[in-house]
Amino acid sequence: MWDDAGRYAIIFNGEVFNFRELRSALESNGVSFFSQSDTEVLLKLYIREKENCLPQLNGFFAFCIYDKLEQSFFYCPRPVWH
């Protein structure tokens, strides 16, 4: 999935259990969504918080985010359960 601007892409496997709460918090800060997926919530949370998004996540997942502008990757290489 790519973000709205086409800068960030995410490859995600798993589930973020608290994505609805995270989505509500992001929406209250002006972030809009085009899907109902936890993948989009994770991507938009990462865009706002960068690596500080990890402690906010409750779930079991692994993911990689590509920043096209910086030509860099951020990844969580193993499943995380909080």
PDB file of N, CA and C in Angstrom:
ATOM      1  N   MET A   1       0.848  -1.174   0.000  1.00  0.00           N
ATOM      2  CA  MET A   1       0.000   0.000   0.000  1.00  0.00           C
ATOM      3  C   MET A   1       0.890   1.232   0.000  1.00  0.00           C
ATOM      4  N   TRP A   2       0.521   2.198  -0.835  1.00  0.00           N
ATOM      5  CA  TRP A   2       1.212   3.492  -0.884  1.00  0.00           C
ATOM      6  C   TRP A   2       0.395   4.541  -0.128  1.00  0.00           C
ATOM      7  N   ASP A   3       1.073   5.543   0.428  1.00  0.00           N
ATOM      8  CA  ASP A   3       0.358   6.657   1.035  1.00  0.00           C
ATOM      9  C   ASP A   3      -0.219   7.552  -0.061  1.00  0.00           C
ATOM     10  N   ASP A   4      -1.032   8.523   0.337  1.00  0.00           N
ATOM     11  CA  ASP A   4      -1.711   9.404  -0.612  1.00  0.00           C
ATOM     12  C   ASP A   4      -0.755  10.135  -1.544  1.00  0.00           C
ATOM     13  N   ALA A   5       0.391  10.523  -1.033  1.00  0.00           N
ATOM     14  CA  ALA A   5       1.344  11.316  -1.811  1.00  0.00           C
ATOM     15  C   ALA A   5       2.276  10.453  -2.663  1.00  0.00           C
ATOM     16  N   GLY A   6       2.272   9.152  -2.434  1.00  0.00           N
ATOM     17  CA  GLY A   6       3.156   8.279  -3.197  1.00  0.00           C
ATOM     18  C   GLY A   6       4.586   8.277  -2.708  1.00  0.00           C
ATOM     19  N   ARG A   7       4.806   8.779  -1.491  1.00  0.00           N
ATOM     20  CA  ARG A   7       6.159   8.798  -0.941  1.00  0.00           C
ATOM     21  C   ARG A   7       6.493   7.515  -0.182  1.00  0.00           C
ATOM     22  N   TYR A   8       5.539   7.018   0.597  1.00  0.00           N
ATOM     23  CA  TYR A   8       5.768   5.868   1.454  1.00  0.00           C
ATOM     24  C   TYR A   8       4.978   4.656   0.963  1.00  0.00           C
ATOM     25  N   ALA A   9       5.608   3.491   1.051  1.00  0.00           N
ATOM     26  CA  ALA A   9       4.937   2.229   0.746  1.00  0.00           C
ATOM     27  C   ALA A   9       5.154   1.285   1.921  1.00  0.00           C
ATOM     28  N   ILE A  10       4.149   0.473   2.194  1.00  0.00           N
ATOM     29  CA  ILE A  10       4.246  -0.491   3.291  1.00  0.00           C
ATOM     30  C   ILE A  10       3.944  -1.895   2.784  1.00  0.00           C
ATOM     31  N   ILE A  11       4.722  -2.836   3.284  1.00  0.00           N
ATOM     32  CA  ILE A  11       4.433  -4.255   3.148  1.00  0.00           C
ATOM     33  C   ILE A  11       4.194  -4.743   4.568  1.00  0.00           C
ATOM     34  N   PHE A  12       3.035  -5.333   4.810  1.00  0.00           N
ATOM     35  CA  PHE A  12       2.598  -5.635   6.170  1.00  0.00           C
ATOM     36  C   PHE A  12       1.992  -7.024   6.225  1.00  0.00           C
ATOM     37  N   ASN A  13       2.327  -7.762   7.281  1.00  0.00           N
ATOM     38  CA  ASN A  13       1.703  -9.050   7.540  1.00  0.00           C
ATOM     39  C   ASN A  13       1.373  -9.109   9.024  1.00  0.00           C
ATOM     40  N   GLY A  14       0.151  -9.443   9.334  1.00  0.00           N
ATOM     41  CA  GLY A  14      -0.252  -9.576  10.725  1.00  0.00           C
ATOM     42  C   GLY A  14      -1.514  -8.799  11.005  1.00  0.00           C
ATOM     43  N   GLU A  15      -1.629  -8.380  12.256  1.00  0.00           N
ATOM     44  CA  GLU A  15      -2.816  -7.641  12.671  1.00  0.00           C
ATOM     45  C   GLU A  15      -2.453  -6.683  13.794  1.00  0.00           C
ATOM     46  N   VAL A  16      -2.925  -5.436  13.666  1.00  0.00           N
ATOM     47  CA  VAL A  16      -2.805  -4.453  14.730  1.00  0.00           C
ATOM     48  C   VAL A  16      -4.154  -4.446  15.440  1.00  0.00           C
ATOM     49  N   PHE A  17      -4.185  -4.976  16.663  1.00  0.00           N
ATOM     50  CA  PHE A  17      -5.448  -5.140  17.374  1.00  0.00           C
ATOM     51  C   PHE A  17      -6.085  -3.812  17.760  1.00  0.00           C
ATOM     52  N   ASN A  18      -5.284  -2.813  18.082  1.00  0.00           N
ATOM     53  CA  ASN A  18      -5.811  -1.526  18.534  1.00  0.00           C
ATOM     54  C   ASN A  18      -5.864  -0.488  17.419  1.00  0.00           C
ATOM     55  N   PHE A  19      -5.985  -0.919  16.171  1.00  0.00           N
ATOM     56  CA  PHE A  19      -5.945   0.039  15.067  1.00  0.00           C
ATOM     57  C   PHE A  19      -7.125   0.999  15.084  1.00  0.00           C
ATOM     58  N   ARG A  20      -8.279   0.581  15.600  1.00  0.00           N
ATOM     59  CA  ARG A  20      -9.434   1.486  15.636  1.00  0.00           C
ATOM     60  C   ARG A  20      -9.171   2.682  16.561  1.00  0.00           C
ATOM     61  N   GLU A  21      -8.567   2.416  17.710  1.00  0.00           N
ATOM     62  CA  GLU A  21      -8.233   3.507  18.637  1.00  0.00           C
ATOM     63  C   GLU A  21      -7.166   4.415  18.043  1.00  0.00           C
ATOM     64  N   LEU A  22      -6.162   3.810  17.411  1.00  0.00           N
ATOM     65  CA  LEU A  22      -5.113   4.601  16.770  1.00  0.00           C
ATOM     66  C   LEU A  22      -5.695   5.437  15.635  1.00  0.00           C
ATOM     67  N   ARG A  23      -6.602   4.860  14.873  1.00  0.00           N
ATOM     68  CA  ARG A  23      -7.245   5.583  13.779  1.00  0.00           C
ATOM     69  C   ARG A  23      -8.029   6.786  14.306  1.00  0.00           C
ATOM     70  N   SER A  24      -8.784   6.583  15.369  1.00  0.00           N
ATOM     71  CA  SER A  24      -9.555   7.686  15.962  1.00  0.00           C
ATOM     72  C   SER A  24      -8.651   8.823  16.399  1.00  0.00           C
ATOM     73  N   ALA A  25      -7.534   8.475  17.028  1.00  0.00           N
ATOM     74  CA  ALA A  25      -6.584   9.505  17.465  1.00  0.00           C
ATOM     75  C   ALA A  25      -5.993  10.247  16.268  1.00  0.00           C
ATOM     76  N   LEU A  26      -5.661   9.526  15.217  1.00  0.00           N
ATOM     77  CA  LEU A  26      -5.125  10.170  14.020  1.00  0.00           C
ATOM     78  C   LEU A  26      -6.179  11.057  13.358  1.00  0.00           C
ATOM     79  N   GLU A  27      -7.410  10.572  13.273  1.00  0.00           N
ATOM     80  CA  GLU A  27      -8.482  11.371  12.679  1.00  0.00           C
ATOM     81  C   GLU A  27      -8.721  12.655  13.466  1.00  0.00           C
ATOM     82  N   SER A  28      -8.613  12.576  14.795  1.00  0.00           N
ATOM     83  CA  SER A  28      -8.800  13.780  15.614  1.00  0.00           C
ATOM     84  C   SER A  28      -7.684  14.794  15.391  1.00  0.00           C
ATOM     85  N   ASN A  29      -6.583  14.337  14.781  1.00  0.00           N
ATOM     86  CA  ASN A  29      -5.477  15.225  14.426  1.00  0.00           C
ATOM     87  C   ASN A  29      -5.457  15.550  12.934  1.00  0.00           C
ATOM     88  N   GLY A  30      -6.587  15.320  12.261  1.00  0.00           N
ATOM     89  CA  GLY A  30      -6.720  15.744  10.876  1.00  0.00           C
ATOM     90  C   GLY A  30      -6.300  14.751   9.809  1.00  0.00           C
ATOM     91  N   VAL A  31      -5.949  13.536  10.195  1.00  0.00           N
ATOM     92  CA  VAL A  31      -5.538  12.533   9.220  1.00  0.00           C
ATOM     93  C   VAL A  31      -6.789  11.881   8.632  1.00  0.00           C
ATOM     94  N   SER A  32      -6.820  11.750   7.304  1.00  0.00           N
ATOM     95  CA  SER A  32      -7.958  11.101   6.647  1.00  0.00           C
ATOM     96  C   SER A  32      -7.536   9.738   6.102  1.00  0.00           C
ATOM     97  N   PHE A  33      -8.524   8.870   5.910  1.00  0.00           N
ATOM     98  CA  PHE A  33      -8.286   7.500   5.481  1.00  0.00           C
ATOM     99  C   PHE A  33      -9.162   7.178   4.288  1.00  0.00           C
ATOM    100  N   PHE A  34      -8.691   6.275   3.426  1.00  0.00           N
ATOM    101  CA  PHE A  34      -9.479   5.837   2.281  1.00  0.00           C
ATOM    102  C   PHE A  34      -9.915   4.387   2.423  1.00  0.00           C
ATOM    103  N   SER A  35      -9.446   3.696   3.461  1.00  0.00           N
ATOM    104  CA  SER A  35      -9.817   2.300   3.675  1.00  0.00           C
ATOM    105  C   SER A  35     -10.182   2.102   5.138  1.00  0.00           C
ATOM    106  N   GLN A  36     -10.543   0.888   5.474  1.00  0.00           N
ATOM    107  CA  GLN A  36     -10.846   0.519   6.857  1.00  0.00           C
ATOM    108  C   GLN A  36      -9.762  -0.391   7.444  1.00  0.00           C
ATOM    109  N   SER A  37      -8.584  -0.423   6.816  1.00  0.00           N
ATOM    110  CA  SER A  37      -7.569  -1.421   7.160  1.00  0.00           C
ATOM    111  C   SER A  37      -6.598  -0.973   8.250  1.00  0.00           C
ATOM    112  N   ASP A  38      -6.116  -1.958   8.985  1.00  0.00           N
ATOM    113  CA  ASP A  38      -5.068  -1.682   9.963  1.00  0.00           C
ATOM    114  C   ASP A  38      -3.754  -1.345   9.272  1.00  0.00           C
ATOM    115  N   THR A  39      -3.579  -1.807   8.046  1.00  0.00           N
ATOM    116  CA  THR A  39      -2.367  -1.492   7.282  1.00  0.00           C
ATOM    117  C   THR A  39      -2.259   0.005   7.035  1.00  0.00           C
ATOM    118  N   GLU A  40      -3.352   0.623   6.619  1.00  0.00           N
ATOM    119  CA  GLU A  40      -3.333   2.062   6.368  1.00  0.00           C
ATOM    120  C   GLU A  40      -3.111   2.837   7.658  1.00  0.00           C
ATOM    121  N   VAL A  41      -3.716   2.391   8.751  1.00  0.00           N
ATOM    122  CA  VAL A  41      -3.506   3.057  10.050  1.00  0.00           C
ATOM    123  C   VAL A  41      -2.030   2.995  10.426  1.00  0.00           C
ATOM    124  N   LEU A  42      -1.411   1.825  10.290  1.00  0.00           N
ATOM    125  CA  LEU A  42       0.008   1.684  10.604  1.00  0.00           C
ATOM    126  C   LEU A  42       0.858   2.596   9.731  1.00  0.00           C
ATOM    127  N   LEU A  43       0.582   2.638   8.446  1.00  0.00           N
ATOM    128  CA  LEU A  43       1.355   3.485   7.546  1.00  0.00           C
ATOM    129  C   LEU A  43       1.235   4.955   7.936  1.00  0.00           C
ATOM    130  N   LYS A  44       0.030   5.419   8.181  1.00  0.00           N
ATOM    131  CA  LYS A  44      -0.153   6.831   8.520  1.00  0.00           C
ATOM    132  C   LYS A  44       0.391   7.158   9.902  1.00  0.00           C
ATOM    133  N   LEU A  45       0.318   6.206  10.826  1.00  0.00           N
ATOM    134  CA  LEU A  45       0.936   6.413  12.138  1.00  0.00           C
ATOM    135  C   LEU A  45       2.444   6.512  11.988  1.00  0.00           C
ATOM    136  N   TYR A  46       3.045   5.657  11.171  1.00  0.00           N
ATOM    137  CA  TYR A  46       4.485   5.732  10.941  1.00  0.00           C
ATOM    138  C   TYR A  46       4.872   7.077  10.318  1.00  0.00           C
ATOM    139  N   ILE A  47       4.107   7.554   9.374  1.00  0.00           N
ATOM    140  CA  ILE A  47       4.419   8.833   8.725  1.00  0.00           C
ATOM    141  C   ILE A  47       4.459   9.954   9.754  1.00  0.00           C
ATOM    142  N   ARG A  48       3.570   9.930  10.714  1.00  0.00           N
ATOM    143  CA  ARG A  48       3.531  10.972  11.754  1.00  0.00           C
ATOM    144  C   ARG A  48       4.572  10.761  12.851  1.00  0.00           C
ATOM    145  N   GLU A  49       4.779   9.496  13.251  1.00  0.00           N
ATOM    146  CA  GLU A  49       5.573   9.208  14.454  1.00  0.00           C
ATOM    147  C   GLU A  49       6.935   8.567  14.181  1.00  0.00           C
ATOM    148  N   LYS A  50       7.164   8.141  12.952  1.00  0.00           N
ATOM    149  CA  LYS A  50       8.368   7.369  12.591  1.00  0.00           C
ATOM    150  C   LYS A  50       8.508   6.159  13.529  1.00  0.00           C
ATOM    151  N   GLU A  51       9.724   5.831  13.979  1.00  0.00           N
ATOM    152  CA  GLU A  51       9.915   4.629  14.786  1.00  0.00           C
ATOM    153  C   GLU A  51       9.213   4.690  16.134  1.00  0.00           C
ATOM    154  N   ASN A  52       8.793   5.883  16.559  1.00  0.00           N
ATOM    155  CA  ASN A  52       8.053   6.021  17.814  1.00  0.00           C
ATOM    156  C   ASN A  52       6.660   5.412  17.734  1.00  0.00           C
ATOM    157  N   CYS A  53       6.258   4.966  16.559  1.00  0.00           N
ATOM    158  CA  CYS A  53       4.960   4.309  16.423  1.00  0.00           C
ATOM    159  C   CYS A  53       4.960   2.934  17.087  1.00  0.00           C
ATOM    160  N   LEU A  54       6.114   2.281  17.166  1.00  0.00           N
ATOM    161  CA  LEU A  54       6.160   0.893  17.634  1.00  0.00           C
ATOM    162  C   LEU A  54       5.566   0.678  19.022  1.00  0.00           C
ATOM    163  N   PRO A  55       5.892   1.496  20.032  1.00  0.00           N
ATOM    164  CA  PRO A  55       5.318   1.236  21.358  1.00  0.00           C
ATOM    165  C   PRO A  55       3.798   1.425  21.430  1.00  0.00           C
ATOM    166  N   GLN A  56       3.226   2.084  20.452  1.00  0.00           N
ATOM    167  CA  GLN A  56       1.788   2.332  20.449  1.00  0.00           C
ATOM    168  C   GLN A  56       0.998   1.155  19.881  1.00  0.00           C
ATOM    169  N   LEU A  57       1.683   0.225  19.243  1.00  0.00           N
ATOM    170  CA  LEU A  57       1.025  -0.863  18.522  1.00  0.00           C
ATOM    171  C   LEU A  57       0.802  -2.073  19.413  1.00  0.00           C
ATOM    172  N   ASN A  58      -0.415  -2.600  19.354  1.00  0.00           N
ATOM    173  CA  ASN A  58      -0.757  -3.827  20.049  1.00  0.00           C
ATOM    174  C   ASN A  58      -1.161  -4.835  18.978  1.00  0.00           C
ATOM    175  N   GLY A  59      -0.387  -5.876  18.831  1.00  0.00           N
ATOM    176  CA  GLY A  59      -0.720  -6.847  17.810  1.00  0.00           C
ATOM    177  C   GLY A  59       0.398  -7.829  17.552  1.00  0.00           C
ATOM    178  N   PHE A  60       0.241  -8.535  16.467  1.00  0.00           N
ATOM    179  CA  PHE A  60       1.206  -9.537  16.038  1.00  0.00           C
ATOM    180  C   PHE A  60       1.475  -9.283  14.568  1.00  0.00           C
ATOM    181  N   PHE A  61       2.682  -8.846  14.238  1.00  0.00           N
ATOM    182  CA  PHE A  61       2.919  -8.361  12.887  1.00  0.00           C
ATOM    183  C   PHE A  61       4.400  -8.258  12.573  1.00  0.00           C
ATOM    184  N   ALA A  62       4.670  -8.120  11.309  1.00  0.00           N
ATOM    185  CA  ALA A  62       5.979  -7.744  10.785  1.00  0.00           C
ATOM    186  C   ALA A  62       5.706  -6.840   9.593  1.00  0.00           C
ATOM    187  N   PHE A  63       6.564  -5.851   9.369  1.00  0.00           N
ATOM    188  CA  PHE A  63       6.325  -4.930   8.263  1.00  0.00           C
ATOM    189  C   PHE A  63       7.611  -4.254   7.824  1.00  0.00           C
ATOM    190  N   CYS A  64       7.537  -3.667   6.630  1.00  0.00           N
ATOM    191  CA  CYS A  64       8.625  -2.859   6.093  1.00  0.00           C
ATOM    192  C   CYS A  64       7.992  -1.644   5.418  1.00  0.00           C
ATOM    193  N   ILE A  65       8.554  -0.476   5.673  1.00  0.00           N
ATOM    194  CA  ILE A  65       8.088   0.763   5.049  1.00  0.00           C
ATOM    195  C   ILE A  65       9.233   1.358   4.248  1.00  0.00           C
ATOM    196  N   TYR A  66       8.941   1.692   3.011  1.00  0.00           N
ATOM    197  CA  TYR A  66       9.905   2.310   2.105  1.00  0.00           C
ATOM    198  C   TYR A  66       9.577   3.780   1.953  1.00  0.00           C
ATOM    199  N   ASP A  67      10.594   4.635   2.116  1.00  0.00           N
ATOM    200  CA  ASP A  67      10.473   6.070   1.886  1.00  0.00           C
ATOM    201  C   ASP A  67      11.129   6.361   0.537  1.00  0.00           C
ATOM    202  N   LYS A  68      10.299   6.628  -0.444  1.00  0.00           N
ATOM    203  CA  LYS A  68      10.790   6.850  -1.817  1.00  0.00           C
ATOM    204  C   LYS A  68      11.675   8.087  -1.906  1.00  0.00           C
ATOM    205  N   LEU A  69      11.335   9.143  -1.175  1.00  0.00           N
ATOM    206  CA  LEU A  69      12.113  10.381  -1.220  1.00  0.00           C
ATOM    207  C   LEU A  69      13.511  10.178  -0.634  1.00  0.00           C
ATOM    208  N   GLU A  70      13.573   9.558   0.526  1.00  0.00           N
ATOM    209  CA  GLU A  70      14.860   9.322   1.201  1.00  0.00           C
ATOM    210  C   GLU A  70      15.556   8.060   0.692  1.00  0.00           C
ATOM    211  N   GLN A  71      14.835   7.255  -0.075  1.00  0.00           N
ATOM    212  CA  GLN A  71      15.327   5.959  -0.545  1.00  0.00           C
ATOM    213  C   GLN A  71      15.843   5.127   0.626  1.00  0.00           C
ATOM    214  N   SER A  72      14.976   5.026   1.651  1.00  0.00           N
ATOM    215  CA  SER A  72      15.342   4.294   2.856  1.00  0.00           C
ATOM    216  C   SER A  72      14.211   3.357   3.267  1.00  0.00           C
ATOM    217  N   PHE A  73      14.558   2.400   4.120  1.00  0.00           N
ATOM    218  CA  PHE A  73      13.613   1.425   4.628  1.00  0.00           C
ATOM    219  C   PHE A  73      13.570   1.490   6.143  1.00  0.00           C
ATOM    220  N   PHE A  74      12.395   1.280   6.697  1.00  0.00           N
ATOM    221  CA  PHE A  74      12.231   1.046   8.133  1.00  0.00           C
ATOM    222  C   PHE A  74      11.510  -0.281   8.243  1.00  0.00           C
ATOM    223  N   TYR A  75      12.046  -1.177   9.054  1.00  0.00           N
ATOM    224  CA  TYR A  75      11.392  -2.467   9.140  1.00  0.00           C
ATOM    225  C   TYR A  75      11.360  -2.999  10.559  1.00  0.00           C
ATOM    226  N   CYS A  76      10.351  -3.754  10.799  1.00  0.00           N
ATOM    227  CA  CYS A  76      10.192  -4.524  12.015  1.00  0.00           C
ATOM    228  C   CYS A  76      10.357  -5.974  11.561  1.00  0.00           C
ATOM    229  N   PRO A  77      11.557  -6.543  11.691  1.00  0.00           N
ATOM    230  CA  PRO A  77      11.890  -7.795  11.014  1.00  0.00           C
ATOM    231  C   PRO A  77      11.306  -9.059  11.622  1.00  0.00           C
ATOM    232  N   ARG A  78      10.764  -8.962  12.800  1.00  0.00           N
ATOM    233  CA  ARG A  78      10.187 -10.148  13.419  1.00  0.00           C
ATOM    234  C   ARG A  78       8.835  -9.790  14.015  1.00  0.00           C
ATOM    235  N   PRO A  79       7.965 -10.757  14.154  1.00  0.00           N
ATOM    236  CA  PRO A  79       6.649 -10.468  14.721  1.00  0.00           C
ATOM    237  C   PRO A  79       6.759  -9.865  16.116  1.00  0.00           C
ATOM    238  N   VAL A  80       5.918  -8.915  16.405  1.00  0.00           N
ATOM    239  CA  VAL A  80       5.891  -8.228  17.688  1.00  0.00           C
ATOM    240  C   VAL A  80       4.509  -8.403  18.305  1.00  0.00           C
ATOM    241  N   TRP A  81       4.475  -8.707  19.563  1.00  0.00           N
ATOM    242  CA  TRP A  81       3.216  -8.820  20.298  1.00  0.00           C
ATOM    243  C   TRP A  81       3.374  -7.987  21.555  1.00  0.00           C
ATOM    244  N   HIS A  82       2.530  -6.975  21.723  1.00  0.00           N
ATOM    245  CA  HIS A  82       2.592  -6.130  22.939  1.00  0.00           C
ATOM    246  C   HIS A  82       1.366  -6.361  23.779  1.00  0.00           C
TER     247      HIS A  82
END
